[in-house]
Amino acid sequence: MKTLIIAAHGSRQKASAAEVAALAKKLDNKVKTDDSHTIEQVVHAFLQFCDPSLETVIQELADSGVDEMVIFPFFISAGSHVQTDIPRAVETARHKHPHVRFYITRHLGILDAIEDLILKEVAG
């Protein structure tokens, strides 16, 4: 089973965490109703301030039999979470779960489509 993990910063504000959870749920519903995706489920995880942590989510998914995880860094810029923390967590997970394939995508802010999304939003 191939699972997408939306890896976000995390916040002490519950509303912020709820936004990320809602996005993951929308994406999960989308992949489950559209056969054109190779992803079978979408979940979310946080790097700090709130749960579930990325490490916990990876462990739970591995324990449930997921054999492929794609981590999408939901970050605008390539700070320490993107450059260090996520790769470190994935490397640790690779050693703990050698039967699982892990991939880290590019972070949100570097994707070409972000420019179009911003311009579409401000155009009204």
Protein backbone atom coordinates (compact mmCIF):
# COMPACT_ATOMS: atom_id res chain seq x y z
CA MET A 1 0.00 0.00 0.00
CA LYS A 2 1.31 3.43 -0.99
CA THR A 3 0.58 6.22 1.48
CA LEU A 4 1.13 9.96 1.21
CA ILE A 5 2.13 11.76 4.41
CA ILE A 6 1.54 15.51 4.43
CA ALA A 7 4.35 16.62 6.76
CA ALA A 8 3.62 20.07 8.20
CA HIS A 9 5.33 22.24 10.78
CA GLY A 10 2.72 22.03 13.51
CA SER A 11 1.35 24.75 15.74
CA ARG A 12 0.21 25.28 19.29
CA GLN A 13 -3.01 26.65 17.79
CA LYS A 14 -5.52 23.87 17.30
CA ALA A 15 -7.12 25.61 14.31
CA SER A 16 -3.84 25.46 12.40
CA ALA A 17 -3.44 21.74 13.00
CA ALA A 18 -7.08 21.23 12.04
CA GLU A 19 -6.46 22.90 8.66
CA VAL A 20 -3.70 20.43 7.87
CA ALA A 21 -5.84 17.51 9.02
CA ALA A 22 -8.73 18.74 6.85
CA LEU A 23 -6.46 19.04 3.81
CA ALA A 24 -5.18 15.50 4.32
CA LYS A 25 -8.76 14.24 4.65
CA LYS A 26 -9.81 15.99 1.42
CA LEU A 27 -6.83 14.51 -0.40
CA ASP A 28 -7.56 11.08 1.08
CA ASN A 29 -11.16 11.25 -0.15
CA LYS A 30 -9.94 12.34 -3.57
CA VAL A 31 -7.47 9.49 -4.02
CA LYS A 32 -10.03 6.96 -2.84
CA THR A 33 -12.63 8.10 -5.38
CA ASP A 34 -10.30 8.64 -8.35
CA ASP A 35 -8.57 5.58 -9.78
CA SER A 36 -5.96 7.65 -11.62
CA HIS A 37 -3.81 8.06 -8.51
CA THR A 38 -1.14 5.61 -7.38
CA ILE A 39 -1.56 6.83 -3.79
CA GLU A 40 -4.00 4.70 -1.79
CA GLN A 41 -4.32 6.85 1.31
CA VAL A 42 -3.33 10.27 2.64
CA VAL A 43 -2.50 11.10 6.25
CA HIS A 44 -0.86 14.02 8.01
CA ALA A 45 1.96 14.46 10.50
CA PHE A 46 3.70 17.31 12.27
CA LEU A 47 7.31 18.15 13.01
CA GLN A 48 6.66 19.97 16.28
CA PHE A 49 4.13 21.47 18.68
CA CYS A 50 1.30 19.00 18.05
CA ASP A 51 0.45 15.41 17.30
CA PRO A 52 0.73 13.16 15.49
CA SER A 53 4.47 13.39 15.00
CA LEU A 54 6.08 12.26 11.76
CA GLU A 55 7.91 9.49 13.59
CA THR A 56 4.68 8.22 15.17
CA VAL A 57 2.80 8.24 11.87
CA ILE A 58 5.60 6.38 10.10
CA GLN A 59 5.70 3.77 12.88
CA GLU A 60 1.92 3.28 12.83
CA LEU A 61 1.82 2.98 9.05
CA ALA A 62 4.70 0.48 9.02
CA ASP A 63 3.00 -1.54 11.77
CA SER A 64 -0.22 -1.61 9.73
CA GLY A 65 1.56 -3.07 6.69
CA VAL A 66 2.14 0.00 4.54
CA ASP A 67 5.13 -0.78 2.34
CA GLU A 68 5.60 2.55 0.55
CA MET A 69 5.47 6.06 2.04
CA VAL A 70 5.74 9.34 0.20
CA ILE A 71 6.46 12.31 2.44
CA PHE A 72 5.33 15.69 1.11
CA PRO A 73 6.96 18.58 3.03
CA PHE A 74 4.10 21.09 3.39
CA PHE A 75 6.49 24.04 3.74
CA ILE A 76 6.87 27.25 1.76
CA SER A 77 10.65 27.42 2.09
CA ALA A 78 13.52 24.98 2.61
CA GLY A 79 14.33 25.64 6.25
CA SER A 80 15.78 23.18 8.73
CA HIS A 81 12.67 20.98 8.81
CA VAL A 82 12.87 20.44 5.04
CA GLN A 83 16.66 20.20 4.81
CA THR A 84 17.44 18.30 7.99
CA ASP A 85 14.58 17.10 10.17
CA ILE A 86 12.45 15.30 7.60
CA PRO A 87 15.41 13.58 5.90
CA ARG A 88 16.76 12.54 9.32
CA ALA A 89 13.39 11.09 10.36
CA VAL A 90 13.12 9.19 7.09
CA GLU A 91 16.67 7.85 7.35
CA THR A 92 15.95 6.60 10.87
CA ALA A 93 12.73 5.01 9.60
CA ARG A 94 14.58 3.30 6.75
CA HIS A 95 16.81 1.55 9.28
CA LYS A 96 13.87 0.58 11.50
CA HIS A 97 11.67 -0.55 8.62
CA PRO A 98 13.89 -1.91 5.83
CA HIS A 99 10.85 -3.47 4.11
CA VAL A 100 9.28 -0.02 3.56
CA ARG A 101 10.18 2.22 0.62
CA PHE A 102 10.38 5.91 1.54
CA TYR A 103 10.38 8.93 -0.75
CA ILE A 104 10.55 12.63 0.07
CA THR A 105 9.09 14.97 -2.54
CA ARG A 106 10.08 18.56 -3.16
CA HIS A 107 8.55 20.99 -0.67
CA LEU A 108 5.45 23.02 -1.51
CA GLY A 109 7.15 26.38 -2.05
CA ILE A 110 9.47 25.13 -4.77
CA LEU A 111 6.75 23.68 -6.98
CA ASP A 112 6.13 25.57 -10.22
CA ALA A 113 2.36 25.46 -9.70
CA ILE A 114 2.61 27.62 -6.57
CA GLU A 115 3.12 30.71 -8.73
CA ASP A 116 -0.11 30.09 -10.64
CA LEU A 117 -2.02 29.42 -7.42
CA ILE A 118 -0.88 32.71 -5.92
CA LEU A 119 -1.70 34.72 -9.04
CA LYS A 120 -5.11 33.02 -9.35
CA GLU A 121 -5.90 33.85 -5.72
CA VAL A 122 -5.05 37.52 -6.02
CA ALA A 123 -6.80 37.90 -9.38
CA GLY A 124 -10.11 37.25 -7.65
